[in-house]
Amino acid sequence: MPTRRTLFRAIAALPFCLSAWAETQKIKIGVCTSDIGGAARFGFEYVEPSASEIAGMSEKQFRNFAASVTASPIRCEVFNSFIRRPELKVVGNEVSLEALREYVEHCLARCGKLGASIVVWGSAGSRNVPDGFPRQRARKQIAEFLAMAGDVSRGFQIIVAIEPLRRQESNILTTGAEALEMVRTVNHRNVRMIIDYFHLREENEDPHILQDARQEIVHLHFANPRGRLWPHDLTEDDHYRQFFDYLKKTGYSGRISIEGRGSFEGDGAASRAFFRNALA
């Protein structure tokens, strides 16, 4: 049994322990952009550029961009748009795992040098299923690609995260539930998933997916679904509060990137206030 002195010491230390716990639970807010200077000026904690743009830079362009990142107080912690080269297909009759591996190694090496922890794979053009192509075969090809990408990303200490995309953009992996099934099929520690609030609302998916996939969700995208805009106020959408209630219940402590139409000057301050209120 603890002595009274031990008990009092534990009680005295409680505020510190709660403060330390709160700090570990802090959610970081960033923006999908390569404008790292603008993001830092407006108080955002990281940027999420396009991985495909980084991969396509010349050596000189990449050195210059890397220098701007090094000079900034924040980093490129996440990347999106993993594959944008039209000849690189994950699904269909023209898939080359060798070409995909070569690209993935080059792309992730550059992203890793810029501070990446996560690279998001939405990239509908690379995964859309051609008309008449067997769906089961398409899922198998996606699983094979993700297993390969997971093996490569492990060497760079990066997680490849599946992004569910609304059906207007993608004809496979359109919901969080479908992405979760794929993550569990691949069963690779470096392959996980994200939830994008805009796509979730467009697909009318139950936000309970945040609870169902809480062990697999490593990142979030966010936008006001009414126009895919930077969020300003909790009254903009009547599903905001339910989404953030689920998020808090899961104990999520990762990152949320704004991905939508807006600007730092016009929307930055309002969006930062929005997340402070939503996560309070």
Protein backbone atom coordinates (compact mmCIF):
# COMPACT_ATOMS: atom_id res chain seq x y z
CA MET A 1 0.00 0.00 0.00
CA PRO A 2 1.35 3.50 -0.76
CA THR A 3 2.21 5.77 2.15
CA ARG A 4 0.49 9.12 2.60
CA ARG A 5 3.70 10.85 1.49
CA THR A 6 3.86 8.77 -1.69
CA LEU A 7 0.19 9.48 -2.39
CA PHE A 8 0.63 13.26 -1.93
CA ARG A 9 3.66 13.23 -4.22
CA ALA A 10 1.64 11.42 -6.89
CA ILE A 11 -1.19 13.94 -6.59
CA ALA A 12 1.27 16.85 -6.78
CA ALA A 13 2.78 15.39 -9.95
CA LEU A 14 -0.61 14.89 -11.61
CA PRO A 15 -0.82 18.32 -13.33
CA PHE A 16 2.61 17.76 -14.85
CA CYS A 17 1.62 14.27 -16.02
CA LEU A 18 -1.59 15.60 -17.56
CA SER A 19 0.34 18.40 -19.26
CA ALA A 20 2.85 15.93 -20.67
CA TRP A 21 -0.01 13.69 -21.86
CA ALA A 22 -1.72 16.63 -23.53
CA GLU A 23 1.49 17.54 -25.31
CA THR A 24 1.86 14.02 -26.70
CA GLN A 25 -1.75 14.19 -27.94
CA LYS A 26 -1.21 17.46 -29.83
CA ILE A 27 -2.51 17.37 -33.38
CA LYS A 28 -0.38 19.26 -35.88
CA ILE A 29 -2.06 21.41 -38.55
CA GLY A 30 -0.51 21.84 -41.98
CA VAL A 31 -1.40 22.76 -45.55
CA CYS A 32 -1.15 20.92 -48.85
CA THR A 33 1.27 23.30 -50.56
CA SER A 34 4.93 23.74 -51.44
CA ASP A 35 4.87 27.33 -50.14
CA ILE A 36 6.76 26.54 -46.97
CA GLY A 37 7.52 30.21 -46.28
CA GLY A 38 3.86 31.19 -46.34
CA ALA A 39 2.87 28.28 -44.11
CA ALA A 40 5.50 29.19 -41.53
CA ARG A 41 4.49 32.87 -41.52
CA PHE A 42 0.87 32.02 -40.78
CA GLY A 43 1.63 29.61 -37.96
CA PHE A 44 1.18 26.26 -39.67
CA GLU A 45 3.38 23.45 -38.44
CA TYR A 46 4.33 21.67 -41.66
CA VAL A 47 3.55 21.58 -45.38
CA GLU A 48 2.38 18.75 -47.60
CA PRO A 49 3.72 19.19 -51.15
CA SER A 50 3.17 16.99 -54.19
CA ALA A 51 5.49 13.99 -54.20
CA SER A 52 5.19 13.68 -57.97
CA GLU A 53 6.34 17.29 -58.44
CA ILE A 54 9.33 16.67 -56.18
CA ALA A 55 10.17 13.50 -58.09
CA GLY A 56 9.96 15.37 -61.41
CA MET A 57 12.34 18.18 -60.44
CA SER A 58 15.76 18.47 -62.02
CA GLU A 59 18.70 18.02 -59.65
CA LYS A 60 19.21 21.78 -59.54
CA GLN A 61 15.53 22.45 -58.84
CA PHE A 62 15.54 19.87 -56.08
CA ARG A 63 18.67 21.33 -54.45
CA ASN A 64 17.11 24.79 -54.50
CA PHE A 65 13.86 23.55 -52.99
CA ALA A 66 15.72 21.54 -50.35
CA ALA A 67 17.67 24.68 -49.42
CA SER A 68 14.42 26.60 -48.90
CA VAL A 69 13.16 23.81 -46.65
CA THR A 70 16.36 23.78 -44.62
CA ALA A 71 16.07 27.56 -44.14
CA SER A 72 12.51 27.24 -42.83
CA PRO A 73 11.47 26.49 -39.22
CA ILE A 74 9.02 23.87 -40.50
CA ARG A 75 9.40 20.83 -42.74
CA CYS A 76 7.70 18.79 -45.46
CA GLU A 77 6.42 16.12 -43.09
CA VAL A 78 3.84 14.66 -45.48
CA PHE A 79 3.54 14.42 -49.27
CA ASN A 80 0.51 13.77 -51.48
CA SER A 81 -0.01 13.01 -55.19
CA PHE A 82 2.37 10.07 -55.04
CA ILE A 83 2.08 9.04 -58.71
CA ARG A 84 1.13 11.45 -61.50
CA ARG A 85 3.10 10.11 -64.44
CA PRO A 86 0.50 8.84 -66.94
CA GLU A 87 2.64 5.88 -68.03
CA LEU A 88 2.88 4.52 -64.47
CA LYS A 89 -0.14 2.31 -63.89
CA VAL A 90 -0.87 0.24 -60.81
CA VAL A 91 -3.97 -1.38 -62.34
CA GLY A 92 -4.60 -2.74 -65.82
CA ASN A 93 -2.82 -4.60 -68.58
CA GLU A 94 0.12 -2.17 -68.78
CA VAL A 95 1.52 -2.51 -65.26
CA SER A 96 5.28 -2.69 -64.80
CA LEU A 97 6.23 -3.36 -61.18
CA GLU A 98 9.86 -2.79 -62.16
CA ALA A 99 9.12 0.71 -63.47
CA LEU A 100 6.95 1.42 -60.44
CA ARG A 101 9.69 0.29 -58.07
CA GLU A 102 12.26 2.49 -59.81
CA TYR A 103 9.95 5.50 -59.50
CA VAL A 104 9.02 4.77 -55.87
CA GLU A 105 12.67 4.47 -54.85
CA HIS A 106 13.55 7.78 -56.53
CA CYS A 107 10.48 9.60 -55.22
CA LEU A 108 10.73 8.39 -51.62
CA ALA A 109 14.46 9.09 -51.47
CA ARG A 110 13.78 12.75 -52.26
CA CYS A 111 10.78 12.97 -49.94
CA GLY A 112 12.83 11.45 -47.16
CA LYS A 113 15.54 14.08 -47.57
CA LEU A 114 12.89 16.78 -47.09
CA GLY A 115 11.58 15.33 -43.83
CA ALA A 116 8.77 13.01 -44.94
CA SER A 117 7.09 10.65 -42.51
CA ILE A 118 4.10 9.88 -44.74
CA VAL A 119 3.45 9.81 -48.48
CA VAL A 120 -0.22 9.74 -49.45
CA TRP A 121 -1.33 7.60 -52.36
CA GLY A 122 -4.54 8.93 -53.88
CA SER A 123 -3.43 9.28 -57.49
CA ALA A 124 -6.67 8.11 -59.12
CA GLY A 125 -5.10 8.02 -62.56
CA SER A 126 -2.67 5.32 -61.47
CA ARG A 127 -5.28 3.05 -59.90
CA ASN A 128 -8.55 3.51 -61.79
CA VAL A 129 -9.86 0.21 -63.13
CA PRO A 130 -10.20 0.13 -66.94
CA ASP A 131 -13.60 -0.73 -68.38
CA GLY A 132 -14.12 -4.48 -68.40
CA PHE A 133 -11.04 -5.19 -66.30
CA PRO A 134 -11.68 -7.78 -63.54
CA ARG A 135 -12.16 -6.05 -60.18
CA GLN A 136 -10.61 -8.90 -58.22
CA ARG A 137 -7.50 -8.75 -60.38
CA ALA A 138 -7.35 -4.98 -59.88
CA ARG A 139 -7.41 -5.41 -56.09
CA LYS A 140 -4.64 -7.99 -56.34
CA GLN A 141 -2.51 -5.60 -58.43
CA ILE A 142 -3.06 -2.80 -55.90
CA ALA A 143 -2.05 -5.12 -53.06
CA GLU A 144 1.10 -6.15 -54.95
CA PHE A 145 2.02 -2.52 -55.57
CA LEU A 146 1.45 -1.53 -51.95
CA ALA A 147 3.50 -4.45 -50.66
CA MET A 148 6.38 -3.38 -52.90
CA ALA A 149 5.98 0.30 -51.94
CA GLY A 150 5.87 -0.71 -48.28
CA ASP A 151 9.14 -2.61 -48.62
CA VAL A 152 10.81 0.38 -50.28
CA SER A 153 9.36 2.93 -47.86
CA ARG A 154 10.57 0.95 -44.85
CA GLY A 155 14.13 1.74 -45.88
CA PHE A 156 13.34 5.46 -45.72
CA GLN A 157 11.25 5.24 -42.53
CA ILE A 158 8.22 6.49 -44.45
CA ILE A 159 4.64 5.21 -44.38
CA VAL A 160 2.68 4.93 -47.63
CA ALA A 161 -0.93 5.84 -46.85
CA ILE A 162 -3.93 4.96 -49.04
CA GLU A 163 -6.32 7.86 -49.61
CA PRO A 164 -9.97 7.00 -50.32
CA LEU A 165 -11.21 9.22 -53.15
CA ARG A 166 -14.81 10.07 -54.08
CA ARG A 167 -16.25 8.13 -56.99
CA GLN A 168 -16.14 11.21 -59.27
CA GLU A 169 -12.35 10.81 -59.20
CA SER A 170 -11.72 7.12 -58.57
CA ASN A 171 -13.63 3.93 -59.31
CA ILE A 172 -11.87 1.89 -56.62
CA LEU A 173 -10.92 2.58 -52.98
CA THR A 174 -13.63 5.22 -52.71
CA THR A 175 -14.40 4.84 -48.99
CA GLY A 176 -12.50 4.51 -45.77
CA ALA A 177 -14.00 1.06 -45.29
CA GLU A 178 -12.59 -0.08 -48.65
CA ALA A 179 -9.18 1.41 -47.86
CA LEU A 180 -9.21 -0.31 -44.45
CA GLU A 181 -9.92 -3.65 -46.09
CA MET A 182 -6.96 -3.11 -48.44
CA VAL A 183 -4.63 -2.14 -45.58
CA ARG A 184 -5.54 -5.33 -43.76
CA THR A 185 -5.12 -7.38 -46.94
CA VAL A 186 -1.62 -6.03 -47.56
CA ASN A 187 -0.74 -6.37 -43.86
CA HIS A 188 2.47 -4.34 -44.07
CA ARG A 189 3.61 -2.12 -41.20
CA ASN A 190 4.56 0.65 -43.67
CA VAL A 191 1.21 0.67 -45.47
CA ARG A 192 -1.62 2.51 -43.74
CA MET A 193 -4.45 4.90 -44.72
CA ILE A 194 -5.81 8.41 -44.35
CA ILE A 195 -9.27 9.90 -44.16
CA ASP A 196 -10.11 13.00 -46.19
CA TYR A 197 -13.13 14.81 -44.77
CA PHE A 198 -14.16 16.17 -48.17
CA HIS A 199 -14.21 12.72 -49.77
CA LEU A 200 -15.90 11.19 -46.72
CA ARG A 201 -18.73 13.73 -46.98
CA GLU A 202 -19.02 13.37 -50.75
CA GLU A 203 -19.41 9.60 -50.31
CA ASN A 204 -21.75 10.12 -47.33
CA GLU A 205 -19.63 7.71 -45.29
CA ASP A 206 -20.31 7.31 -41.58
CA PRO A 207 -17.54 9.07 -39.58
CA HIS A 208 -17.52 6.00 -37.33
CA ILE A 209 -14.83 4.82 -39.75
CA LEU A 210 -12.48 6.93 -37.60
CA GLN A 211 -13.18 4.50 -34.77
CA ASP A 212 -13.18 1.35 -36.91
CA ALA A 213 -9.83 2.22 -38.52
CA ARG A 214 -8.22 4.02 -35.58
CA GLN A 215 -5.20 1.70 -35.60
CA GLU A 216 -4.61 2.19 -39.34
CA ILE A 217 -5.32 5.91 -39.85
CA VAL A 218 -2.06 7.87 -39.85
CA HIS A 219 -3.12 11.16 -41.41
CA LEU A 220 -6.11 13.37 -42.26
CA HIS A 221 -7.05 15.82 -45.03
CA PHE A 222 -9.67 18.47 -44.43
CA ALA A 223 -11.74 20.98 -46.37
CA ASN A 224 -15.15 22.60 -46.14
CA PRO A 225 -17.19 20.29 -48.40
CA ARG A 226 -19.28 23.22 -49.61
CA GLY A 227 -16.90 24.17 -52.38
CA ARG A 228 -13.84 22.31 -51.10
CA LEU A 229 -12.61 25.45 -49.32
CA TRP A 230 -10.35 26.15 -46.37
CA PRO A 231 -12.56 25.79 -43.27
CA HIS A 232 -13.52 28.92 -41.31
CA ASP A 233 -16.31 28.13 -38.90
CA LEU A 234 -17.90 25.12 -37.20
CA THR A 235 -21.31 26.16 -38.51
CA GLU A 236 -20.28 25.71 -42.18
CA ASP A 237 -21.19 22.03 -42.20
CA ASP A 238 -23.57 20.20 -39.88
CA HIS A 239 -21.31 17.12 -39.77
CA TYR A 240 -18.20 18.88 -38.46
CA ARG A 241 -18.92 18.36 -34.76
CA GLN A 242 -19.72 14.67 -35.13
CA PHE A 243 -16.48 14.14 -37.06
CA PHE A 244 -14.35 15.88 -34.44
CA ASP A 245 -16.18 14.11 -31.60
CA TYR A 246 -15.22 10.76 -33.11
CA LEU A 247 -11.68 12.00 -33.70
CA LYS A 248 -11.25 12.96 -30.05
CA LYS A 249 -12.65 9.62 -28.86
CA THR A 250 -10.03 7.75 -30.87
CA GLY A 251 -7.17 9.68 -29.25
CA TYR A 252 -5.81 10.65 -32.66
CA SER A 253 -2.54 12.59 -32.31
CA GLY A 254 -1.26 12.85 -35.87
CA ARG A 255 -1.58 15.59 -38.47
CA ILE A 256 -4.40 17.31 -40.33
CA SER A 257 -3.65 18.97 -43.67
CA ILE A 258 -5.93 21.53 -45.26
CA GLU A 259 -6.49 20.49 -48.88
CA GLY A 260 -8.77 22.85 -50.72
CA ARG A 261 -9.20 26.21 -52.39
CA GLY A 262 -7.93 29.13 -50.33
CA SER A 263 -4.89 31.23 -49.45
CA PHE A 264 -2.78 32.08 -46.45
CA GLU A 265 -3.66 35.78 -46.65
CA GLY A 266 -7.39 35.26 -47.08
CA ASP A 267 -8.00 32.15 -45.02
CA GLY A 268 -4.95 31.28 -42.91
CA ALA A 269 -5.94 33.00 -39.66
CA ALA A 270 -9.56 31.81 -39.84
CA SER A 271 -8.53 28.21 -40.54
CA ARG A 272 -6.07 28.14 -37.66
CA ALA A 273 -8.84 29.42 -35.35
CA PHE A 274 -11.23 26.82 -36.78
CA PHE A 275 -8.96 23.94 -35.78
CA ARG A 276 -8.28 25.39 -32.34
CA ASN A 277 -12.02 25.49 -31.71
CA ALA A 278 -12.77 22.12 -33.30
CA LEU A 279 -10.07 20.32 -31.31
CA ALA A 280 -10.65 22.09 -27.98
